Amino acid sequence: QVQLVESGGGLVQPGGSLRLSCAVSRNIFGIYTMGWYRQAPGKQRELVAAITSGGSTNYADSVKGRFTISGNNAKNTMYLQMNSLKPEDTAVYYCKLAFGLKGYWGQGTQVTVSS
């Protein structure tokens, strides 16, 4: 069983920055994809950014140039650096690991962008 735990959310003013972390409970060997998703109230969950085991990344158009996804294999941790935050970035952010035929989700962390 694999567990994912997010951290780093909080309240930040528009234009500010936050770094989210997603800790994976064990080493993952082989081909996998990890991603950050978010869900705002009344909206569907959407993909924000993803990174593959080969290091390829992709981003939603709404966050390109502002968010950066990265991973530290030695720490079994994935990050999402969020800069120039906007009120519309307010949501619960979830990390996901897709490995083999299974998907594993974290419990989510709240990000609120407000003055």
PDB file of N, CA and C in Angstrom:
ATOM      1  N   GLN A   1       0.836  -1.186   0.000  1.00  0.00           N
ATOM      2  CA  GLN A   1       0.000   0.000   0.000  1.00  0.00           C
ATOM      3  C   GLN A   1       0.876   1.244   0.000  1.00  0.00           C
ATOM      4  N   VAL A   2       0.470   2.235  -0.741  1.00  0.00           N
ATOM      5  CA  VAL A   2       1.205   3.491  -0.840  1.00  0.00           C
ATOM      6  C   VAL A   2       0.342   4.598  -0.245  1.00  0.00           C
ATOM      7  N   GLN A   3       0.956   5.420   0.579  1.00  0.00           N
ATOM      8  CA  GLN A   3       0.253   6.571   1.139  1.00  0.00           C
ATOM      9  C   GLN A   3       0.939   7.860   0.713  1.00  0.00           C
ATOM     10  N   LEU A   4       0.127   8.882   0.448  1.00  0.00           N
ATOM     11  CA  LEU A   4       0.632  10.194   0.064  1.00  0.00           C
ATOM     12  C   LEU A   4       0.124  11.222   1.070  1.00  0.00           C
ATOM     13  N   VAL A   5       1.002  12.091   1.499  1.00  0.00           N
ATOM     14  CA  VAL A   5       0.628  13.115   2.470  1.00  0.00           C
ATOM     15  C   VAL A   5       1.076  14.475   1.954  1.00  0.00           C
ATOM     16  N   GLU A   6       0.109  15.377   1.736  1.00  0.00           N
ATOM     17  CA  GLU A   6       0.417  16.734   1.290  1.00  0.00           C
ATOM     18  C   GLU A   6       0.627  17.648   2.487  1.00  0.00           C
ATOM     19  N   SER A   7       1.410  18.688   2.262  1.00  0.00           N
ATOM     20  CA  SER A   7       1.596  19.730   3.265  1.00  0.00           C
ATOM     21  C   SER A   7       1.990  21.014   2.555  1.00  0.00           C
ATOM     22  N   GLY A   8       1.935  22.123   3.300  1.00  0.00           N
ATOM     23  CA  GLY A   8       2.398  23.387   2.750  1.00  0.00           C
ATOM     24  C   GLY A   8       1.316  24.367   2.358  1.00  0.00           C
ATOM     25  N   GLY A   9       0.051  23.957   2.450  1.00  0.00           N
ATOM     26  CA  GLY A   9      -1.017  24.881   2.105  1.00  0.00           C
ATOM     27  C   GLY A   9      -1.175  25.963   3.161  1.00  0.00           C
ATOM     28  N   GLY A  10      -2.036  26.925   2.850  1.00  0.00           N
ATOM     29  CA  GLY A  10      -2.276  27.999   3.801  1.00  0.00           C
ATOM     30  C   GLY A  10      -2.922  29.192   3.144  1.00  0.00           C
ATOM     31  N   LEU A  11      -2.915  30.290   3.873  1.00  0.00           N
ATOM     32  CA  LEU A  11      -3.481  31.553   3.394  1.00  0.00           C
ATOM     33  C   LEU A  11      -2.348  32.459   2.923  1.00  0.00           C
ATOM     34  N   VAL A  12      -2.493  32.997   1.732  1.00  0.00           N
ATOM     35  CA  VAL A  12      -1.458  33.867   1.171  1.00  0.00           C
ATOM     36  C   VAL A  12      -2.143  35.003   0.418  1.00  0.00           C
ATOM     37  N   GLN A  13      -1.494  36.145   0.385  1.00  0.00           N
ATOM     38  CA  GLN A  13      -2.040  37.291  -0.338  1.00  0.00           C
ATOM     39  C   GLN A  13      -1.801  37.139  -1.839  1.00  0.00           C
ATOM     40  N   PRO A  14      -2.622  37.773  -2.649  1.00  0.00           N
ATOM     41  CA  PRO A  14      -2.384  37.748  -4.099  1.00  0.00           C
ATOM     42  C   PRO A  14      -0.972  38.231  -4.412  1.00  0.00           C
ATOM     43  N   GLY A  15      -0.341  37.531  -5.345  1.00  0.00           N
ATOM     44  CA  GLY A  15       1.038  37.840  -5.697  1.00  0.00           C
ATOM     45  C   GLY A  15       2.058  37.079  -4.871  1.00  0.00           C
ATOM     46  N   GLY A  16       1.607  36.410  -3.827  1.00  0.00           N
ATOM     47  CA  GLY A  16       2.512  35.682  -2.956  1.00  0.00           C
ATOM     48  C   GLY A  16       2.865  34.301  -3.486  1.00  0.00           C
ATOM     49  N   SER A  17       3.627  33.569  -2.668  1.00  0.00           N
ATOM     50  CA  SER A  17       4.121  32.249  -3.065  1.00  0.00           C
ATOM     51  C   SER A  17       3.867  31.227  -1.967  1.00  0.00           C
ATOM     52  N   LEU A  18       3.727  29.978  -2.383  1.00  0.00           N
ATOM     53  CA  LEU A  18       3.658  28.844  -1.481  1.00  0.00           C
ATOM     54  C   LEU A  18       4.363  27.669  -2.139  1.00  0.00           C
ATOM     55  N   ARG A  19       4.876  26.768  -1.324  1.00  0.00           N
ATOM     56  CA  ARG A  19       5.417  25.516  -1.850  1.00  0.00           C
ATOM     57  C   ARG A  19       4.697  24.357  -1.185  1.00  0.00           C
ATOM     58  N   LEU A  20       4.056  23.565  -2.013  1.00  0.00           N
ATOM     59  CA  LEU A  20       3.391  22.361  -1.525  1.00  0.00           C
ATOM     60  C   LEU A  20       4.333  21.166  -1.620  1.00  0.00           C
ATOM     61  N   SER A  21       4.201  20.256  -0.671  1.00  0.00           N
ATOM     62  CA  SER A  21       4.981  19.022  -0.675  1.00  0.00           C
ATOM     63  C   SER A  21       4.045  17.823  -0.637  1.00  0.00           C
ATOM     64  N   CYS A  22       4.462  16.756  -1.280  1.00  0.00           N
ATOM     65  CA  CYS A  22       3.712  15.496  -1.268  1.00  0.00           C
ATOM     66  C   CYS A  22       4.708  14.382  -0.943  1.00  0.00           C
ATOM     67  N   ALA A  23       4.603  13.831   0.255  1.00  0.00           N
ATOM     68  CA  ALA A  23       5.504  12.778   0.691  1.00  0.00           C
ATOM     69  C   ALA A  23       4.888  11.409   0.398  1.00  0.00           C
ATOM     70  N   VAL A  24       5.659  10.565  -0.254  1.00  0.00           N
ATOM     71  CA  VAL A  24       5.229   9.210  -0.606  1.00  0.00           C
ATOM     72  C   VAL A  24       5.821   8.242   0.409  1.00  0.00           C
ATOM     73  N   SER A  25       5.016   7.270   0.841  1.00  0.00           N
ATOM     74  CA  SER A  25       5.397   6.431   1.979  1.00  0.00           C
ATOM     75  C   SER A  25       6.489   5.415   1.671  1.00  0.00           C
ATOM     76  N   ARG A  26       6.748   5.155   0.388  1.00  0.00           N
ATOM     77  CA  ARG A  26       7.810   4.208   0.066  1.00  0.00           C
ATOM     78  C   ARG A  26       8.398   4.519  -1.300  1.00  0.00           C
ATOM     79  N   ASN A  27       9.554   3.919  -1.574  1.00  0.00           N
ATOM     80  CA  ASN A  27      10.177   4.090  -2.881  1.00  0.00           C
ATOM     81  C   ASN A  27       9.298   3.484  -3.968  1.00  0.00           C
ATOM     82  N   ILE A  28       9.265   4.137  -5.101  1.00  0.00           N
ATOM     83  CA  ILE A  28       8.530   3.645  -6.254  1.00  0.00           C
ATOM     84  C   ILE A  28       9.532   3.335  -7.359  1.00  0.00           C
ATOM     85  N   PHE A  29       9.545   2.094  -7.815  1.00  0.00           N
ATOM     86  CA  PHE A  29      10.459   1.688  -8.869  1.00  0.00           C
ATOM     87  C   PHE A  29       9.656   1.399 -10.128  1.00  0.00           C
ATOM     88  N   GLY A  30      10.177   1.858 -11.246  1.00  0.00           N
ATOM     89  CA  GLY A  30       9.500   1.631 -12.510  1.00  0.00           C
ATOM     90  C   GLY A  30       8.939   2.921 -13.069  1.00  0.00           C
ATOM     91  N   ILE A  31       7.985   2.755 -13.968  1.00  0.00           N
ATOM     92  CA  ILE A  31       7.400   3.899 -14.667  1.00  0.00           C
ATOM     93  C   ILE A  31       6.189   4.400 -13.886  1.00  0.00           C
ATOM     94  N   TYR A  32       6.162   5.686 -13.616  1.00  0.00           N
ATOM     95  CA  TYR A  32       5.050   6.263 -12.886  1.00  0.00           C
ATOM     96  C   TYR A  32       4.866   7.710 -13.305  1.00  0.00           C
ATOM     97  N   THR A  33       3.732   8.243 -12.957  1.00  0.00           N
ATOM     98  CA  THR A  33       3.441   9.663 -13.138  1.00  0.00           C
ATOM     99  C   THR A  33       2.882  10.202 -11.829  1.00  0.00           C
ATOM    100  N   MET A  34       3.340  11.349 -11.448  1.00  0.00           N
ATOM    101  CA  MET A  34       2.790  12.026 -10.281  1.00  0.00           C
ATOM    102  C   MET A  34       2.253  13.378 -10.711  1.00  0.00           C
ATOM    103  N   GLY A  35       1.197  13.792 -10.049  1.00  0.00           N
ATOM    104  CA  GLY A  35       0.591  15.054 -10.437  1.00  0.00           C
ATOM    105  C   GLY A  35      -0.032  15.791  -9.272  1.00  0.00           C
ATOM    106  N   TRP A  36      -0.230  17.070  -9.482  1.00  0.00           N
ATOM    107  CA  TRP A  36      -0.978  17.918  -8.562  1.00  0.00           C
ATOM    108  C   TRP A  36      -2.312  18.267  -9.231  1.00  0.00           C
ATOM    109  N   TYR A  37      -3.371  18.091  -8.481  1.00  0.00           N
ATOM    110  CA  TYR A  37      -4.708  18.448  -8.917  1.00  0.00           C
ATOM    111  C   TYR A  37      -5.277  19.460  -7.926  1.00  0.00           C
ATOM    112  N   ARG A  38      -6.303  20.164  -8.350  1.00  0.00           N
ATOM    113  CA  ARG A  38      -6.977  21.052  -7.419  1.00  0.00           C
ATOM    114  C   ARG A  38      -8.473  21.030  -7.669  1.00  0.00           C
ATOM    115  N   GLN A  39      -9.206  21.324  -6.609  1.00  0.00           N
ATOM    116  CA  GLN A  39     -10.653  21.372  -6.701  1.00  0.00           C
ATOM    117  C   GLN A  39     -11.165  22.559  -5.905  1.00  0.00           C
ATOM    118  N   ALA A  40     -11.780  23.486  -6.619  1.00  0.00           N
ATOM    119  CA  ALA A  40     -12.395  24.653  -5.989  1.00  0.00           C
ATOM    120  C   ALA A  40     -13.854  24.333  -5.686  1.00  0.00           C
ATOM    121  N   PRO A  41     -14.454  25.037  -4.738  1.00  0.00           N
ATOM    122  CA  PRO A  41     -15.853  24.778  -4.398  1.00  0.00           C
ATOM    123  C   PRO A  41     -16.766  24.888  -5.620  1.00  0.00           C
ATOM    124  N   GLY A  42     -17.592  23.875  -5.819  1.00  0.00           N
ATOM    125  CA  GLY A  42     -18.532  23.888  -6.929  1.00  0.00           C
ATOM    126  C   GLY A  42     -17.937  23.568  -8.280  1.00  0.00           C
ATOM    127  N   LYS A  43     -16.652  23.226  -8.299  1.00  0.00           N
ATOM    128  CA  LYS A  43     -15.996  22.922  -9.574  1.00  0.00           C
ATOM    129  C   LYS A  43     -15.438  21.507  -9.572  1.00  0.00           C
ATOM    130  N   GLN A  44     -15.147  21.011 -10.771  1.00  0.00           N
ATOM    131  CA  GLN A  44     -14.556  19.690 -10.896  1.00  0.00           C
ATOM    132  C   GLN A  44     -13.066  19.743 -10.573  1.00  0.00           C
ATOM    133  N   ARG A  45     -12.558  18.607 -10.137  1.00  0.00           N
ATOM    134  CA  ARG A  45     -11.117  18.511  -9.892  1.00  0.00           C
ATOM    135  C   ARG A  45     -10.391  18.611 -11.224  1.00  0.00           C
ATOM    136  N   GLU A  46      -9.318  19.384 -11.242  1.00  0.00           N
ATOM    137  CA  GLU A  46      -8.566  19.590 -12.485  1.00  0.00           C
ATOM    138  C   GLU A  46      -7.083  19.348 -12.257  1.00  0.00           C
ATOM    139  N   LEU A  47      -6.429  18.921 -13.326  1.00  0.00           N
ATOM    140  CA  LEU A  47      -4.990  18.720 -13.285  1.00  0.00           C
ATOM    141  C   LEU A  47      -4.288  20.076 -13.340  1.00  0.00           C
ATOM    142  N   VAL A  48      -3.347  20.251 -12.429  1.00  0.00           N
ATOM    143  CA  VAL A  48      -2.554  21.478 -12.392  1.00  0.00           C
ATOM    144  C   VAL A  48      -1.200  21.261 -13.059  1.00  0.00           C
ATOM    145  N   ALA A  49      -0.525  20.189 -12.663  1.00  0.00           N
ATOM    146  CA  ALA A  49       0.800  19.892 -13.200  1.00  0.00           C
ATOM    147  C   ALA A  49       1.098  18.425 -12.966  1.00  0.00           C
ATOM    148  N   ALA A  50       1.948  17.869 -13.831  1.00  0.00           N
ATOM    149  CA  ALA A  50       2.325  16.470 -13.707  1.00  0.00           C
ATOM    150  C   ALA A  50       3.785  16.290 -14.057  1.00  0.00           C
ATOM    151  N   ILE A  51       4.370  15.229 -13.500  1.00  0.00           N
ATOM    152  CA  ILE A  51       5.756  14.897 -13.783  1.00  0.00           C
ATOM    153  C   ILE A  51       5.863  13.388 -13.885  1.00  0.00           C
ATOM    154  N   THR A  52       6.633  12.922 -14.875  1.00  0.00           N
ATOM    155  CA  THR A  52       6.792  11.486 -15.058  1.00  0.00           C
ATOM    156  C   THR A  52       8.085  11.010 -14.409  1.00  0.00           C
ATOM    157  N   SER A  53       8.228   9.691 -14.336  1.00  0.00           N
ATOM    158  CA  SER A  53       9.453   9.114 -13.777  1.00  0.00           C
ATOM    159  C   SER A  53      10.665   9.463 -14.646  1.00  0.00           C
ATOM    160  N   GLY A  54      10.422   9.801 -15.913  1.00  0.00           N
ATOM    161  CA  GLY A  54      11.505  10.204 -16.800  1.00  0.00           C
ATOM    162  C   GLY A  54      11.832  11.679 -16.708  1.00  0.00           C
ATOM    163  N   GLY A  55      11.045  12.411 -15.927  1.00  0.00           N
ATOM    164  CA  GLY A  55      11.328  13.832 -15.715  1.00  0.00           C
ATOM    165  C   GLY A  55      10.546  14.784 -16.605  1.00  0.00           C
ATOM    166  N   SER A  56       9.685  14.261 -17.458  1.00  0.00           N
ATOM    167  CA  SER A  56       8.871  15.151 -18.291  1.00  0.00           C
ATOM    168  C   SER A  56       7.790  15.812 -17.448  1.00  0.00           C
ATOM    169  N   THR A  57       7.491  17.053 -17.786  1.00  0.00           N
ATOM    170  CA  THR A  57       6.478  17.802 -17.037  1.00  0.00           C
ATOM    171  C   THR A  57       5.447  18.399 -17.990  1.00  0.00           C
ATOM    172  N   ASN A  58       4.273  18.631 -17.462  1.00  0.00           N
ATOM    173  CA  ASN A  58       3.287  19.402 -18.204  1.00  0.00           C
ATOM    174  C   ASN A  58       2.425  20.172 -17.215  1.00  0.00           C
ATOM    175  N   TYR A  59       1.851  21.262 -17.694  1.00  0.00           N
ATOM    176  CA  TYR A  59       1.131  22.192 -16.836  1.00  0.00           C
ATOM    177  C   TYR A  59      -0.188  22.612 -17.473  1.00  0.00           C
ATOM    178  N   ALA A  60      -1.144  22.911 -16.630  1.00  0.00           N
ATOM    179  CA  ALA A  60      -2.359  23.542 -17.119  1.00  0.00           C
ATOM    180  C   ALA A  60      -2.005  24.939 -17.627  1.00  0.00           C
ATOM    181  N   ASP A  61      -2.715  25.385 -18.652  1.00  0.00           N
ATOM    182  CA  ASP A  61      -2.423  26.708 -19.222  1.00  0.00           C
ATOM    183  C   ASP A  61      -2.531  27.802 -18.167  1.00  0.00           C
ATOM    184  N   SER A  62      -3.442  27.634 -17.237  1.00  0.00           N
ATOM    185  CA  SER A  62      -3.697  28.678 -16.244  1.00  0.00           C
ATOM    186  C   SER A  62      -2.555  28.876 -15.263  1.00  0.00           C
ATOM    187  N   VAL A  63      -1.623  27.925 -15.186  1.00  0.00           N
ATOM    188  CA  VAL A  63      -0.530  28.043 -14.214  1.00  0.00           C
ATOM    189  C   VAL A  63       0.848  28.094 -14.877  1.00  0.00           C
ATOM    190  N   LYS A  64       0.909  27.959 -16.182  1.00  0.00           N
ATOM    191  CA  LYS A  64       2.199  27.984 -16.879  1.00  0.00           C
ATOM    192  C   LYS A  64       2.924  29.288 -16.592  1.00  0.00           C
ATOM    193  N   GLY A  65       4.205  29.161 -16.284  1.00  0.00           N
ATOM    194  CA  GLY A  65       5.020  30.327 -15.992  1.00  0.00           C
ATOM    195  C   GLY A  65       4.936  30.782 -14.548  1.00  0.00           C
ATOM    196  N   ARG A  66       3.990  30.227 -13.785  1.00  0.00           N
ATOM    197  CA  ARG A  66       3.851  30.609 -12.375  1.00  0.00           C
ATOM    198  C   ARG A  66       4.142  29.437 -11.438  1.00  0.00           C
ATOM    199  N   PHE A  67       3.779  28.234 -11.834  1.00  0.00           N
ATOM    200  CA  PHE A  67       3.961  27.059 -10.988  1.00  0.00           C
ATOM    201  C   PHE A  67       5.070  26.173 -11.553  1.00  0.00           C
ATOM    202  N   THR A  68       5.785  25.498 -10.661  1.00  0.00           N
ATOM    203  CA  THR A  68       6.821  24.562 -11.067  1.00  0.00           C
ATOM    204  C   THR A  68       6.685  23.273 -10.262  1.00  0.00           C
ATOM    205  N   ILE A  69       6.606  22.157 -10.973  1.00  0.00           N
ATOM    206  CA  ILE A  69       6.532  20.850 -10.327  1.00  0.00           C
ATOM    207  C   ILE A  69       7.922  20.227 -10.345  1.00  0.00           C
ATOM    208  N   SER A  70       8.279  19.547  -9.258  1.00  0.00           N
ATOM    209  CA  SER A  70       9.584  18.895  -9.183  1.00  0.00           C
ATOM    210  C   SER A  70       9.500  17.731  -8.216  1.00  0.00           C
ATOM    211  N   GLY A  71      10.531  16.908  -8.239  1.00  0.00           N
ATOM    212  CA  GLY A  71      10.566  15.766  -7.349  1.00  0.00           C
ATOM    213  C   GLY A  71      11.958  15.550  -6.794  1.00  0.00           C
ATOM    214  N   ASN A  72      12.007  14.955  -5.608  1.00  0.00           N
ATOM    215  CA  ASN A  72      13.267  14.581  -4.981  1.00  0.00           C
ATOM    216  C   ASN A  72      13.167  13.092  -4.667  1.00  0.00           C
ATOM    217  N   ASN A  73      13.786  12.273  -5.519  1.00  0.00           N
ATOM    218  CA  ASN A  73      13.660  10.824  -5.355  1.00  0.00           C
ATOM    219  C   ASN A  73      14.271  10.341  -4.043  1.00  0.00           C
ATOM    220  N   ALA A  74      15.336  10.996  -3.606  1.00  0.00           N
ATOM    221  CA  ALA A  74      15.994  10.577  -2.365  1.00  0.00           C
ATOM    222  C   ALA A  74      15.084  10.764  -1.157  1.00  0.00           C
ATOM    223  N   LYS A  75      14.186  11.735  -1.255  1.00  0.00           N
ATOM    224  CA  LYS A  75      13.264  12.004  -0.149  1.00  0.00           C
ATOM    225  C   LYS A  75      11.862  11.481  -0.409  1.00  0.00           C
ATOM    226  N   ASN A  76      11.666  10.826  -1.564  1.00  0.00           N
ATOM    227  CA  ASN A  76      10.333  10.332  -1.926  1.00  0.00           C
ATOM    228  C   ASN A  76       9.289  11.443  -1.816  1.00  0.00           C
ATOM    229  N   THR A  77       9.645  12.607  -2.312  1.00  0.00           N
ATOM    230  CA  THR A  77       8.776  13.770  -2.160  1.00  0.00           C
ATOM    231  C   THR A  77       8.647  14.518  -3.474  1.00  0.00           C
ATOM    232  N   MET A  78       7.431  14.985  -3.746  1.00  0.00           N
ATOM    233  CA  MET A  78       7.160  15.822  -4.909  1.00  0.00           C
ATOM    234  C   MET A  78       6.769  17.204  -4.409  1.00  0.00           C
ATOM    235  N   TYR A  79       7.095  18.215  -5.188  1.00  0.00           N
ATOM    236  CA  TYR A  79       6.821  19.586  -4.784  1.00  0.00           C
ATOM    237  C   TYR A  79       6.025  20.333  -5.858  1.00  0.00           C
ATOM    238  N   LEU A  80       5.354  21.366  -5.425  1.00  0.00           N
ATOM    239  CA  LEU A  80       4.736  22.314  -6.343  1.00  0.00           C
ATOM    240  C   LEU A  80       5.050  23.712  -5.832  1.00  0.00           C
ATOM    241  N   GLN A  81       5.949  24.384  -6.520  1.00  0.00           N
ATOM    242  CA  GLN A  81       6.261  25.776  -6.193  1.00  0.00           C
ATOM    243  C   GLN A  81       5.262  26.661  -6.909  1.00  0.00           C
ATOM    244  N   MET A  82       4.538  27.452  -6.153  1.00  0.00           N
ATOM    245  CA  MET A  82       3.496  28.312  -6.709  1.00  0.00           C
ATOM    246  C   MET A  82       3.860  29.764  -6.454  1.00  0.00           C
ATOM    247  N   ASN A  83       4.072  30.501  -7.523  1.00  0.00           N
ATOM    248  CA  ASN A  83       4.410  31.917  -7.447  1.00  0.00           C
ATOM    249  C   ASN A  83       3.310  32.763  -8.088  1.00  0.00           C
ATOM    250  N   SER A  84       3.333  34.028  -7.798  1.00  0.00           N
ATOM    251  CA  SER A  84       2.357  34.968  -8.374  1.00  0.00           C
ATOM    252  C   SER A  84       0.936  34.445  -8.224  1.00  0.00           C
ATOM    253  N   LEU A  85       0.621  34.029  -7.037  1.00  0.00           N
ATOM    254  CA  LEU A  85      -0.683  33.418  -6.795  1.00  0.00           C
ATOM    255  C   LEU A  85      -1.819  34.411  -6.995  1.00  0.00           C
ATOM    256  N   LYS A  86      -2.938  33.882  -7.485  1.00  0.00           N
ATOM    257  CA  LYS A  86      -4.127  34.675  -7.772  1.00  0.00           C
ATOM    258  C   LYS A  86      -5.304  34.128  -6.959  1.00  0.00           C
ATOM    259  N   PRO A  87      -6.288  34.953  -6.720  1.00  0.00           N
ATOM    260  CA  PRO A  87      -7.473  34.454  -5.980  1.00  0.00           C
ATOM    261  C   PRO A  87      -8.092  33.217  -6.636  1.00  0.00           C
ATOM    262  N   GLU A  88      -8.029  33.139  -7.948  1.00  0.00           N
ATOM    263  CA  GLU A  88      -8.608  31.980  -8.633  1.00  0.00           C
ATOM    264  C   GLU A  88      -7.800  30.704  -8.445  1.00  0.00           C
ATOM    265  N   ASP A  89      -6.645  30.789  -7.806  1.00  0.00           N
ATOM    266  CA  ASP A  89      -5.880  29.587  -7.464  1.00  0.00           C
ATOM    267  C   ASP A  89      -6.390  28.952  -6.163  1.00  0.00           C
ATOM    268  N   THR A  90      -7.312  29.610  -5.503  1.00  0.00           N
ATOM    269  CA  THR A  90      -7.864  29.087  -4.263  1.00  0.00           C
ATOM    270  C   THR A  90      -8.571  27.760  -4.510  1.00  0.00           C
ATOM    271  N   ALA A  91      -8.166  26.729  -3.776  1.00  0.00           N
ATOM    272  CA  ALA A  91      -8.715  25.386  -3.960  1.00  0.00           C
ATOM    273  C   ALA A  91      -8.073  24.450  -2.944  1.00  0.00           C
ATOM    274  N   VAL A  92      -8.612  23.243  -2.881  1.00  0.00           N
ATOM    275  CA  VAL A  92      -7.919  22.164  -2.189  1.00  0.00           C
ATOM    276  C   VAL A  92      -7.016  21.487  -3.222  1.00  0.00           C
ATOM    277  N   TYR A  93      -5.761  21.360  -2.882  1.00  0.00           N
ATOM    278  CA  TYR A  93      -4.771  20.772  -3.772  1.00  0.00           C
ATOM    279  C   TYR A  93      -4.473  19.338  -3.332  1.00  0.00           C
ATOM    280  N   TYR A  94      -4.519  18.434  -4.302  1.00  0.00           N
ATOM    281  CA  TYR A  94      -4.289  17.013  -4.052  1.00  0.00           C
ATOM    282  C   TYR A  94      -3.112  16.519  -4.880  1.00  0.00           C
ATOM    283  N   CYS A  95      -2.336  15.613  -4.332  1.00  0.00           N
ATOM    284  CA  CYS A  95      -1.325  14.962  -5.146  1.00  0.00           C
ATOM    285  C   CYS A  95      -1.801  13.554  -5.470  1.00  0.00           C
ATOM    286  N   LYS A  96      -1.331  13.065  -6.599  1.00  0.00           N
ATOM    287  CA  LYS A  96      -1.719  11.742  -7.079  1.00  0.00           C
ATOM    288  C   LYS A  96      -0.507  11.025  -7.648  1.00  0.00           C
ATOM    289  N   LEU A  97      -0.447   9.736  -7.358  1.00  0.00           N
ATOM    290  CA  LEU A  97       0.566   8.864  -7.939  1.00  0.00           C
ATOM    291  C   LEU A  97      -0.150   7.827  -8.797  1.00  0.00           C
ATOM    292  N   ALA A  98       0.233   7.758 -10.062  1.00  0.00           N
ATOM    293  CA  ALA A  98      -0.280   6.731 -10.965  1.00  0.00           C
ATOM    294  C   ALA A  98       0.849   5.749 -11.220  1.00  0.00           C
ATOM    295  N   PHE A  99       0.657   4.503 -10.763  1.00  0.00           N
ATOM    296  CA  PHE A  99       1.717   3.505 -10.819  1.00  0.00           C
ATOM    297  C   PHE A  99       1.100   2.152 -11.099  1.00  0.00           C
ATOM    298  N   GLY A 100       1.604   1.495 -12.136  1.00  0.00           N
ATOM    299  CA  GLY A 100       0.975   0.247 -12.528  1.00  0.00           C
ATOM    300  C   GLY A 100      -0.431   0.539 -13.005  1.00  0.00           C
ATOM    301  N   LEU A 101      -1.383  -0.172 -12.494  1.00  0.00           N
ATOM    302  CA  LEU A 101      -2.783   0.039 -12.876  1.00  0.00           C
ATOM    303  C   LEU A 101      -3.559   0.785 -11.795  1.00  0.00           C
ATOM    304  N   LYS A 102      -2.840   1.344 -10.837  1.00  0.00           N
ATOM    305  CA  LYS A 102      -3.517   1.967  -9.704  1.00  0.00           C
ATOM    306  C   LYS A 102      -3.199   3.451  -9.600  1.00  0.00           C
ATOM    307  N   GLY A 103      -4.119   4.156  -8.968  1.00  0.00           N
ATOM    308  CA  GLY A 103      -3.907   5.557  -8.644  1.00  0.00           C
ATOM    309  C   GLY A 103      -4.059   5.769  -7.155  1.00  0.00           C
ATOM    310  N   TYR A 104      -3.177   6.539  -6.589  1.00  0.00           N
ATOM    311  CA  TYR A 104      -3.178   6.796  -5.156  1.00  0.00           C
ATOM    312  C   TYR A 104      -3.288   8.302  -4.951  1.00  0.00           C
ATOM    313  N   TRP A 105      -4.153   8.698  -4.021  1.00  0.00           N
ATOM    314  CA  TRP A 105      -4.390  10.116  -3.758  1.00  0.00           C
ATOM    315  C   TRP A 105      -4.007  10.466  -2.324  1.00  0.00           C
ATOM    316  N   GLY A 106      -3.567  11.707  -2.165  1.00  0.00           N
ATOM    317  CA  GLY A 106      -3.393  12.251  -0.830  1.00  0.00           C
ATOM    318  C   GLY A 106      -4.702  12.821  -0.324  1.00  0.00           C
ATOM    319  N   GLN A 107      -4.667  13.339   0.898  1.00  0.00           N
ATOM    320  CA  GLN A 107      -5.897  13.817   1.537  1.00  0.00           C
ATOM    321  C   GLN A 107      -6.232  15.257   1.170  1.00  0.00           C
ATOM    322  N   GLY A 108      -5.280  15.965   0.581  1.00  0.00           N
ATOM    323  CA  GLY A 108      -5.513  17.340   0.149  1.00  0.00           C
ATOM    324  C   GLY A 108      -5.011  18.365   1.151  1.00  0.00           C
ATOM    325  N   THR A 109      -4.660  19.519   0.628  1.00  0.00           N
ATOM    326  CA  THR A 109      -4.246  20.646   1.463  1.00  0.00           C
ATOM    327  C   THR A 109      -4.884  21.922   0.900  1.00  0.00           C
ATOM    328  N   GLN A 110      -5.420  22.741   1.785  1.00  0.00           N
ATOM    329  CA  GLN A 110      -6.150  23.936   1.358  1.00  0.00           C
ATOM    330  C   GLN A 110      -5.191  25.071   1.037  1.00  0.00           C
ATOM    331  N   VAL A 111      -5.394  25.689  -0.111  1.00  0.00           N
ATOM    332  CA  VAL A 111      -4.678  26.905  -0.493  1.00  0.00           C
ATOM    333  C   VAL A 111      -5.722  27.999  -0.680  1.00  0.00           C
ATOM    334  N   THR A 112      -5.548  29.086   0.050  1.00  0.00           N
ATOM    335  CA  THR A 112      -6.460  30.224  -0.050  1.00  0.00           C
ATOM    336  C   THR A 112      -5.666  31.471  -0.384  1.00  0.00           C
ATOM    337  N   VAL A 113      -6.030  32.107  -1.485  1.00  0.00           N
ATOM    338  CA  VAL A 113      -5.356  33.325  -1.930  1.00  0.00           C
ATOM    339  C   VAL A 113      -6.343  34.478  -1.764  1.00  0.00           C
ATOM    340  N   SER A 114      -6.050  35.335  -0.810  1.00  0.00           N
ATOM    341  CA  SER A 114      -6.981  36.401  -0.485  1.00  0.00           C
ATOM    342  C   SER A 114      -6.259  37.519   0.236  1.00  0.00           C
ATOM    343  N   SER A 115      -6.729  38.749   0.024  1.00  0.00           N
ATOM    344  CA  SER A 115      -6.178  39.876   0.748  1.00  0.00           C
ATOM    345  C   SER A 115      -6.997  40.154   2.001  1.00  0.00           C
TER     346      SER A 115
END
